[in-house]
Amino acid sequence: MIMVKTTIILEDALYRQLVDESIREYGSTRKLSLLINSKLKGNEPRANRRIGIKPIRLGRRLTEKEIERAIGESWDEGVRWRA
């Protein structure tokens, strides 16, 4: 597929709406072009596509210490992954 770079002029309100949706769907505005392409094709982007978001159902409440430990483990894993 050939991609073409172009410049378009959007109304401020429309631009803000697209930026908000891009952040909601992808976690940043870096995927703004992907969002616009999807909308022009008539496809809606899937929610929660962001990398690293993994919903978990535990079936119980976690203590504060368990939450802090899980955050610490995730941070350590993320640092190793990026290193």
N, C-alpha and C. Protein backbone atom coordinates (compact mmCIF):
# COMPACT_ATOMS: atom_id res chain seq x y z
N MET A 1 0.84 -1.17 0.00
CA MET A 1 0.00 0.00 0.00
C MET A 1 0.89 1.24 0.00
N ILE A 2 0.63 2.12 -0.89
CA ILE A 2 1.38 3.37 -0.99
C ILE A 2 0.71 4.42 -0.10
N MET A 3 1.51 5.09 0.70
CA MET A 3 1.01 6.14 1.57
C MET A 3 1.45 7.48 0.99
N VAL A 4 0.59 8.47 1.07
CA VAL A 4 0.88 9.80 0.56
C VAL A 4 0.73 10.79 1.70
N LYS A 5 1.71 11.65 1.84
CA LYS A 5 1.66 12.68 2.87
C LYS A 5 1.02 13.93 2.26
N THR A 6 0.06 14.51 2.98
CA THR A 6 -0.61 15.69 2.49
C THR A 6 -0.96 16.60 3.66
N THR A 7 -1.33 17.79 3.38
CA THR A 7 -1.74 18.74 4.41
C THR A 7 -3.22 19.05 4.22
N ILE A 8 -3.97 19.00 5.31
CA ILE A 8 -5.38 19.38 5.26
C ILE A 8 -5.63 20.43 6.33
N ILE A 9 -6.63 21.24 6.12
CA ILE A 9 -6.98 22.28 7.08
C ILE A 9 -8.31 21.89 7.70
N LEU A 10 -8.31 21.75 9.03
CA LEU A 10 -9.49 21.35 9.78
C LEU A 10 -9.98 22.49 10.65
N GLU A 11 -11.27 22.53 10.89
CA GLU A 11 -11.81 23.46 11.87
C GLU A 11 -11.26 23.08 13.24
N ASP A 12 -11.06 24.08 14.10
CA ASP A 12 -10.49 23.83 15.42
C ASP A 12 -11.27 22.78 16.21
N ALA A 13 -12.58 22.90 16.23
CA ALA A 13 -13.40 21.97 17.00
C ALA A 13 -13.27 20.54 16.48
N LEU A 14 -13.23 20.37 15.17
CA LEU A 14 -13.08 19.05 14.58
C LEU A 14 -11.70 18.47 14.90
N TYR A 15 -10.67 19.30 14.80
CA TYR A 15 -9.32 18.86 15.13
C TYR A 15 -9.23 18.41 16.59
N ARG A 16 -9.79 19.20 17.50
CA ARG A 16 -9.77 18.83 18.92
C ARG A 16 -10.50 17.52 19.16
N GLN A 17 -11.60 17.32 18.45
CA GLN A 17 -12.38 16.08 18.59
C GLN A 17 -11.53 14.87 18.12
N LEU A 18 -10.85 15.03 16.99
CA LEU A 18 -10.01 13.94 16.48
C LEU A 18 -8.82 13.67 17.40
N VAL A 19 -8.22 14.72 17.93
CA VAL A 19 -7.11 14.55 18.87
C VAL A 19 -7.58 13.83 20.12
N ASP A 20 -8.71 14.24 20.67
CA ASP A 20 -9.26 13.58 21.86
C ASP A 20 -9.52 12.10 21.59
N GLU A 21 -10.10 11.79 20.45
CA GLU A 21 -10.40 10.40 20.12
C GLU A 21 -9.12 9.60 19.91
N SER A 22 -8.12 10.19 19.29
CA SER A 22 -6.85 9.51 19.09
C SER A 22 -6.19 9.19 20.42
N ILE A 23 -6.24 10.12 21.34
CA ILE A 23 -5.66 9.88 22.67
C ILE A 23 -6.44 8.80 23.40
N ARG A 24 -7.76 8.85 23.30
CA ARG A 24 -8.60 7.85 23.95
C ARG A 24 -8.35 6.45 23.38
N GLU A 25 -8.26 6.34 22.06
CA GLU A 25 -8.14 5.04 21.40
C GLU A 25 -6.72 4.49 21.40
N TYR A 26 -5.73 5.37 21.20
CA TYR A 26 -4.36 4.91 21.00
C TYR A 26 -3.37 5.40 22.04
N GLY A 27 -3.81 6.28 22.93
CA GLY A 27 -2.92 6.76 23.97
C GLY A 27 -2.04 7.93 23.58
N SER A 28 -2.10 8.38 22.34
CA SER A 28 -1.32 9.54 21.91
C SER A 28 -1.91 10.07 20.60
N THR A 29 -1.31 11.15 20.11
CA THR A 29 -1.76 11.70 18.83
C THR A 29 -0.92 11.16 17.68
N ARG A 30 0.03 10.29 17.96
CA ARG A 30 0.88 9.73 16.90
C ARG A 30 0.10 8.88 15.91
N LYS A 31 -1.05 8.40 16.31
CA LYS A 31 -1.87 7.56 15.43
C LYS A 31 -3.03 8.35 14.82
N LEU A 32 -2.91 9.67 14.81
CA LEU A 32 -3.97 10.51 14.27
C LEU A 32 -4.25 10.17 12.80
N SER A 33 -3.22 9.95 12.02
CA SER A 33 -3.41 9.58 10.61
C SER A 33 -4.15 8.25 10.48
N LEU A 34 -3.80 7.28 11.33
CA LEU A 34 -4.49 5.99 11.31
C LEU A 34 -5.97 6.16 11.63
N LEU A 35 -6.27 6.99 12.62
CA LEU A 35 -7.65 7.26 13.00
C LEU A 35 -8.42 7.90 11.84
N ILE A 36 -7.83 8.90 11.21
CA ILE A 36 -8.51 9.59 10.10
C ILE A 36 -8.71 8.64 8.93
N ASN A 37 -7.69 7.84 8.60
CA ASN A 37 -7.84 6.86 7.53
C ASN A 37 -8.96 5.87 7.82
N SER A 38 -9.03 5.40 9.07
CA SER A 38 -10.09 4.45 9.45
C SER A 38 -11.46 5.08 9.29
N LYS A 39 -11.58 6.33 9.71
CA LYS A 39 -12.87 7.00 9.61
C LYS A 39 -13.27 7.24 8.15
N LEU A 40 -12.31 7.61 7.32
CA LEU A 40 -12.62 7.83 5.91
C LEU A 40 -13.02 6.53 5.20
N LYS A 41 -12.46 5.41 5.64
CA LYS A 41 -12.81 4.12 5.06
C LYS A 41 -14.13 3.59 5.62
N GLY A 42 -14.62 4.22 6.68
CA GLY A 42 -15.87 3.77 7.28
C GLY A 42 -15.65 2.74 8.38
N ASN A 43 -14.40 2.52 8.76
CA ASN A 43 -14.08 1.59 9.85
C ASN A 43 -13.90 2.37 11.13
N GLU A 44 -14.43 1.85 12.19
CA GLU A 44 -14.22 2.48 13.49
C GLU A 44 -13.06 1.78 14.17
N PRO A 45 -12.13 2.53 14.76
CA PRO A 45 -11.02 1.90 15.47
C PRO A 45 -11.52 1.14 16.69
N ARG A 46 -10.83 0.05 17.00
CA ARG A 46 -11.20 -0.73 18.18
C ARG A 46 -10.71 -0.03 19.44
N ALA A 47 -11.53 -0.05 20.46
CA ALA A 47 -11.18 0.61 21.72
C ALA A 47 -10.08 -0.17 22.43
N ASN A 48 -9.33 0.53 23.26
CA ASN A 48 -8.28 -0.04 24.09
C ASN A 48 -7.23 -0.79 23.28
N ARG A 49 -6.82 -0.26 22.17
CA ARG A 49 -5.76 -0.86 21.37
C ARG A 49 -4.38 -0.53 21.91
N ARG A 50 -4.35 0.37 22.87
CA ARG A 50 -3.07 0.83 23.37
C ARG A 50 -2.23 -0.33 23.87
N ILE A 51 -0.96 -0.27 23.59
CA ILE A 51 -0.04 -1.31 24.02
C ILE A 51 0.13 -1.21 25.53
N GLY A 52 0.09 -2.34 26.19
CA GLY A 52 0.34 -2.39 27.62
C GLY A 52 -0.92 -2.37 28.47
N ILE A 53 -2.08 -2.15 27.90
CA ILE A 53 -3.30 -2.17 28.69
C ILE A 53 -3.86 -3.58 28.68
N LYS A 54 -3.87 -4.18 29.85
CA LYS A 54 -4.36 -5.54 29.97
C LYS A 54 -5.33 -5.59 31.15
N PRO A 55 -6.63 -5.58 30.88
CA PRO A 55 -7.58 -5.64 31.99
C PRO A 55 -7.49 -6.99 32.69
N ILE A 56 -7.60 -6.94 34.01
CA ILE A 56 -7.50 -8.16 34.81
C ILE A 56 -8.72 -8.26 35.72
N ARG A 57 -9.32 -9.42 35.76
CA ARG A 57 -10.41 -9.68 36.71
C ARG A 57 -9.88 -10.62 37.78
N LEU A 58 -9.83 -10.12 39.00
CA LEU A 58 -9.24 -10.88 40.09
C LEU A 58 -10.26 -11.67 40.90
N GLY A 59 -11.46 -11.16 40.99
CA GLY A 59 -12.45 -11.82 41.82
C GLY A 59 -12.33 -11.49 43.29
N ARG A 60 -11.38 -10.64 43.64
CA ARG A 60 -11.22 -10.22 45.04
C ARG A 60 -10.58 -8.83 45.07
N ARG A 61 -10.66 -8.19 46.22
CA ARG A 61 -10.04 -6.88 46.38
C ARG A 61 -8.58 -7.05 46.80
N LEU A 62 -7.74 -6.21 46.28
CA LEU A 62 -6.32 -6.24 46.64
C LEU A 62 -6.05 -5.28 47.79
N THR A 63 -5.09 -5.65 48.61
CA THR A 63 -4.67 -4.74 49.67
C THR A 63 -3.76 -3.68 49.06
N GLU A 64 -3.52 -2.63 49.81
CA GLU A 64 -2.66 -1.56 49.33
C GLU A 64 -1.25 -2.09 49.04
N LYS A 65 -0.74 -2.97 49.90
CA LYS A 65 0.60 -3.54 49.69
C LYS A 65 0.65 -4.39 48.42
N GLU A 66 -0.41 -5.14 48.16
CA GLU A 66 -0.46 -5.96 46.94
C GLU A 66 -0.47 -5.09 45.69
N ILE A 67 -1.20 -3.99 45.75
CA ILE A 67 -1.25 -3.07 44.62
C ILE A 67 0.12 -2.45 44.39
N GLU A 68 0.77 -1.99 45.46
CA GLU A 68 2.10 -1.40 45.33
C GLU A 68 3.10 -2.41 44.78
N ARG A 69 3.03 -3.66 45.23
CA ARG A 69 3.93 -4.69 44.73
C ARG A 69 3.69 -4.94 43.23
N ALA A 70 2.42 -5.00 42.82
CA ALA A 70 2.10 -5.23 41.40
C ALA A 70 2.60 -4.07 40.54
N ILE A 71 2.45 -2.84 41.04
CA ILE A 71 2.95 -1.67 40.30
C ILE A 71 4.46 -1.75 40.18
N GLY A 72 5.12 -2.10 41.27
CA GLY A 72 6.59 -2.23 41.25
C GLY A 72 7.05 -3.28 40.27
N GLU A 73 6.37 -4.43 40.25
CA GLU A 73 6.74 -5.50 39.31
C GLU A 73 6.51 -5.06 37.88
N SER A 74 5.42 -4.36 37.62
CA SER A 74 5.15 -3.87 36.27
C SER A 74 6.20 -2.87 35.85
N TRP A 75 6.61 -2.00 36.78
CA TRP A 75 7.62 -1.01 36.46
C TRP A 75 8.93 -1.70 36.11
N ASP A 76 9.33 -2.69 36.93
CA ASP A 76 10.57 -3.42 36.67
C ASP A 76 10.53 -4.11 35.31
N GLU A 77 9.39 -4.70 35.00
CA GLU A 77 9.24 -5.39 33.71
C GLU A 77 9.31 -4.39 32.56
N GLY A 78 8.68 -3.23 32.72
CA GLY A 78 8.70 -2.20 31.68
C GLY A 78 10.09 -1.65 31.46
N VAL A 79 10.85 -1.48 32.53
CA VAL A 79 12.21 -0.96 32.42
C VAL A 79 13.09 -1.98 31.70
N ARG A 80 12.94 -3.26 32.02
CA ARG A 80 13.72 -4.30 31.32
C ARG A 80 13.34 -4.33 29.85
N TRP A 81 12.06 -4.20 29.56
CA TRP A 81 11.58 -4.26 28.18
C TRP A 81 12.15 -3.13 27.35
N ARG A 82 12.24 -1.94 27.92
CA ARG A 82 12.71 -0.77 27.18
C ARG A 82 14.23 -0.69 27.13
N ALA A 83 14.91 -1.38 28.01
CA ALA A 83 16.37 -1.27 28.07
C ALA A 83 17.03 -1.90 26.88
